[in-house]
N, C-alpha and C. Protein backbone atom coordinates (compact mmCIF):
# COMPACT_ATOMS: atom_id res chain seq x y z
N MET A 1 24.58 -181.46 14.70
CA MET A 1 24.55 -182.90 14.46
C MET A 1 25.35 -183.20 13.20
N LEU A 2 26.20 -184.17 13.25
CA LEU A 2 26.92 -184.62 12.07
C LEU A 2 26.11 -185.68 11.36
N LEU A 3 26.01 -185.57 10.06
CA LEU A 3 25.23 -186.53 9.29
C LEU A 3 26.13 -187.35 8.39
N LEU A 4 25.85 -188.62 8.31
CA LEU A 4 26.54 -189.51 7.39
C LEU A 4 26.00 -189.23 6.00
N CYS A 5 26.90 -188.94 5.07
CA CYS A 5 26.47 -188.60 3.71
C CYS A 5 25.56 -189.68 3.13
N GLY A 6 24.46 -189.25 2.53
CA GLY A 6 23.53 -190.18 1.91
C GLY A 6 22.69 -190.93 2.93
N SER A 7 22.64 -190.44 4.15
CA SER A 7 21.92 -191.13 5.21
C SER A 7 21.29 -190.11 6.13
N THR A 8 20.28 -190.54 6.88
CA THR A 8 19.71 -189.68 7.90
C THR A 8 20.29 -190.00 9.26
N ALA A 9 21.23 -190.96 9.32
CA ALA A 9 21.88 -191.31 10.59
C ALA A 9 22.81 -190.18 11.00
N GLY A 10 22.82 -189.84 12.27
CA GLY A 10 23.68 -188.77 12.75
C GLY A 10 24.18 -189.05 14.15
N VAL A 11 25.07 -188.20 14.60
CA VAL A 11 25.63 -188.31 15.95
C VAL A 11 25.42 -186.98 16.63
N GLY A 12 24.53 -186.93 17.62
CA GLY A 12 24.29 -185.70 18.34
C GLY A 12 25.40 -185.41 19.33
N ASN A 13 25.68 -184.12 19.54
CA ASN A 13 26.65 -183.68 20.53
C ASN A 13 28.04 -184.30 20.31
N ALA A 14 28.41 -184.44 19.06
CA ALA A 14 29.70 -185.05 18.72
C ALA A 14 30.77 -183.97 18.61
N PRO A 15 31.94 -184.16 19.26
CA PRO A 15 33.02 -183.18 19.09
C PRO A 15 33.51 -183.25 17.65
N SER A 16 33.71 -182.07 17.05
CA SER A 16 34.16 -182.05 15.67
C SER A 16 35.13 -180.90 15.46
N VAL A 17 35.91 -181.00 14.40
CA VAL A 17 36.86 -179.96 14.01
C VAL A 17 36.73 -179.76 12.50
N PRO A 18 37.19 -178.61 12.00
CA PRO A 18 37.23 -178.46 10.55
C PRO A 18 38.15 -179.52 9.94
N VAL A 19 37.78 -180.01 8.77
CA VAL A 19 38.58 -181.02 8.09
C VAL A 19 40.01 -180.53 7.91
N THR A 20 40.19 -179.23 7.70
CA THR A 20 41.53 -178.68 7.48
C THR A 20 42.41 -178.71 8.73
N ALA A 21 41.83 -179.00 9.91
CA ALA A 21 42.61 -179.08 11.14
C ALA A 21 43.24 -180.46 11.32
N ILE A 22 42.84 -181.43 10.51
CA ILE A 22 43.36 -182.80 10.63
C ILE A 22 44.71 -182.90 9.94
N VAL A 23 45.69 -183.49 10.64
CA VAL A 23 47.00 -183.75 10.04
C VAL A 23 47.28 -185.24 10.10
N ALA A 24 47.99 -185.73 9.09
CA ALA A 24 48.37 -187.15 9.06
C ALA A 24 49.62 -187.33 9.91
N LYS A 25 49.66 -188.42 10.67
CA LYS A 25 50.83 -188.74 11.49
C LYS A 25 51.75 -189.69 10.74
N PHE A 26 53.04 -189.51 10.91
CA PHE A 26 54.01 -190.42 10.33
C PHE A 26 53.74 -191.82 10.88
N GLY A 27 53.65 -192.80 10.03
CA GLY A 27 53.38 -194.16 10.48
C GLY A 27 51.90 -194.50 10.52
N GLY A 28 51.05 -193.52 10.19
CA GLY A 28 49.61 -193.78 10.15
C GLY A 28 48.85 -193.07 11.24
N GLY A 29 47.59 -192.88 11.01
CA GLY A 29 46.72 -192.21 11.97
C GLY A 29 46.63 -190.72 11.71
N PHE A 30 45.88 -190.05 12.57
CA PHE A 30 45.62 -188.63 12.41
C PHE A 30 45.76 -187.91 13.73
N ALA A 31 45.94 -186.59 13.67
CA ALA A 31 46.07 -185.77 14.87
C ALA A 31 45.50 -184.38 14.59
N VAL A 32 45.25 -183.65 15.67
CA VAL A 32 44.92 -182.23 15.59
C VAL A 32 45.82 -181.49 16.55
N GLU A 33 46.13 -180.24 16.24
CA GLU A 33 46.93 -179.42 17.14
C GLU A 33 45.98 -178.81 18.17
N VAL A 34 46.31 -178.94 19.45
CA VAL A 34 45.50 -178.35 20.50
C VAL A 34 46.33 -177.33 21.27
N VAL A 35 45.64 -176.36 21.85
CA VAL A 35 46.28 -175.37 22.69
C VAL A 35 45.81 -175.65 24.11
N ARG A 36 46.75 -176.02 24.97
CA ARG A 36 46.42 -176.34 26.36
C ARG A 36 46.20 -175.06 27.17
N ALA A 37 45.69 -175.21 28.38
CA ALA A 37 45.38 -174.07 29.25
C ALA A 37 46.60 -173.19 29.51
N ASP A 38 47.78 -173.79 29.53
CA ASP A 38 49.01 -173.02 29.78
C ASP A 38 49.62 -172.48 28.48
N ALA A 39 48.86 -172.49 27.40
CA ALA A 39 49.24 -171.98 26.08
C ALA A 39 50.20 -172.90 25.32
N ARG A 40 50.50 -174.08 25.85
CA ARG A 40 51.33 -175.04 25.10
C ARG A 40 50.52 -175.56 23.93
N ARG A 41 51.19 -175.76 22.81
CA ARG A 41 50.56 -176.37 21.63
C ARG A 41 51.12 -177.78 21.47
N GLU A 42 50.26 -178.72 21.17
CA GLU A 42 50.73 -180.08 20.94
C GLU A 42 49.79 -180.81 19.98
N LEU A 43 50.36 -181.81 19.30
CA LEU A 43 49.55 -182.66 18.44
C LEU A 43 48.95 -183.78 19.28
N VAL A 44 47.66 -183.98 19.13
CA VAL A 44 46.95 -185.02 19.88
C VAL A 44 46.35 -186.00 18.88
N ALA A 45 46.65 -187.28 19.08
CA ALA A 45 46.11 -188.32 18.20
C ALA A 45 44.59 -188.37 18.33
N VAL A 46 43.93 -188.51 17.19
CA VAL A 46 42.47 -188.61 17.18
C VAL A 46 42.05 -189.72 16.22
N LYS A 47 40.89 -190.27 16.49
CA LYS A 47 40.25 -191.20 15.56
C LYS A 47 39.15 -190.41 14.87
N LEU A 48 39.06 -190.59 13.56
CA LEU A 48 38.05 -189.86 12.79
C LEU A 48 36.73 -190.61 12.79
N GLY A 49 35.66 -189.84 12.82
CA GLY A 49 34.33 -190.42 12.78
C GLY A 49 33.61 -189.96 11.51
N LEU A 50 32.39 -189.52 11.67
CA LEU A 50 31.57 -189.10 10.54
C LEU A 50 32.04 -187.76 9.98
N PHE A 51 31.94 -187.63 8.67
CA PHE A 51 32.28 -186.38 7.99
C PHE A 51 31.00 -185.62 7.69
N ASP A 52 31.01 -184.32 7.94
CA ASP A 52 29.91 -183.42 7.58
C ASP A 52 30.39 -182.62 6.38
N THR A 53 30.17 -183.15 5.19
CA THR A 53 30.69 -182.50 3.98
C THR A 53 30.03 -181.16 3.70
N ALA A 54 28.81 -180.97 4.16
CA ALA A 54 28.11 -179.70 3.94
C ALA A 54 28.78 -178.55 4.70
N HIS A 55 29.39 -178.86 5.86
CA HIS A 55 30.00 -177.83 6.68
C HIS A 55 31.52 -177.98 6.80
N GLY A 56 32.10 -178.97 6.14
CA GLY A 56 33.55 -179.15 6.15
C GLY A 56 34.12 -179.55 7.49
N ARG A 57 33.40 -180.39 8.23
CA ARG A 57 33.84 -180.80 9.57
C ARG A 57 33.91 -182.32 9.65
N VAL A 58 34.65 -182.79 10.65
CA VAL A 58 34.76 -184.23 10.88
C VAL A 58 34.69 -184.49 12.38
N GLN A 59 33.99 -185.53 12.76
CA GLN A 59 33.88 -185.95 14.15
C GLN A 59 35.23 -186.53 14.56
N VAL A 60 35.68 -186.19 15.79
CA VAL A 60 36.95 -186.72 16.29
C VAL A 60 36.77 -187.31 17.68
N ASP A 61 37.62 -188.28 17.98
CA ASP A 61 37.66 -188.88 19.31
C ASP A 61 39.11 -188.93 19.73
N GLY A 62 39.44 -188.28 20.83
CA GLY A 62 40.81 -188.23 21.33
C GLY A 62 40.86 -187.44 22.62
N ASP A 63 42.05 -187.23 23.16
CA ASP A 63 42.23 -186.52 24.42
C ASP A 63 42.21 -185.02 24.20
N LEU A 64 41.04 -184.50 23.85
CA LEU A 64 40.90 -183.07 23.58
C LEU A 64 40.33 -182.32 24.78
N ALA A 65 40.12 -182.98 25.89
CA ALA A 65 39.53 -182.36 27.08
C ALA A 65 40.39 -181.18 27.54
N ALA A 66 39.73 -180.14 27.99
CA ALA A 66 40.38 -178.94 28.52
C ALA A 66 41.35 -178.34 27.52
N SER A 67 40.98 -178.40 26.26
CA SER A 67 41.83 -177.83 25.23
C SER A 67 40.97 -177.20 24.16
N SER A 68 41.61 -176.47 23.31
CA SER A 68 40.94 -175.89 22.16
C SER A 68 41.70 -176.34 20.93
N ALA A 69 41.05 -177.08 20.06
CA ALA A 69 41.73 -177.51 18.83
C ALA A 69 42.02 -176.29 17.99
N SER A 70 43.12 -176.32 17.27
CA SER A 70 43.51 -175.18 16.44
C SER A 70 42.42 -174.81 15.46
N GLY A 71 41.56 -175.77 15.14
CA GLY A 71 40.48 -175.52 14.20
C GLY A 71 39.17 -175.28 14.88
N GLU A 72 39.16 -174.79 16.12
CA GLU A 72 37.94 -174.47 16.85
C GLU A 72 37.07 -175.71 17.09
N SER A 73 37.56 -176.64 17.85
CA SER A 73 36.79 -177.84 18.19
C SER A 73 35.48 -177.43 18.84
N THR A 74 34.40 -178.04 18.39
CA THR A 74 33.09 -177.73 18.96
C THR A 74 32.27 -179.00 19.06
N ARG A 75 31.18 -178.86 19.76
CA ARG A 75 30.20 -179.94 19.82
C ARG A 75 28.97 -179.46 19.09
N HIS A 76 28.53 -180.28 18.16
CA HIS A 76 27.32 -179.96 17.40
C HIS A 76 26.20 -180.84 17.89
N GLY A 77 25.06 -180.25 18.14
CA GLY A 77 23.95 -181.05 18.62
C GLY A 77 22.63 -180.63 18.11
């Protein structure tokens, strides 16, 4: 579960990646590198959600289905 700092509010089963996997996109926004099933690597735009500062992770929302983020995308619940 990702927790909002200073709060007991959280998001169960939220996809997250290590903060170090986030890259800034030219012109604004953020992305993560994903490895597709055919071993292609690509940057996928994501929206950032809650930060888990205790574990160095951030919730992401984007087209990460059927992929593995370079930073080991996982669901925490």
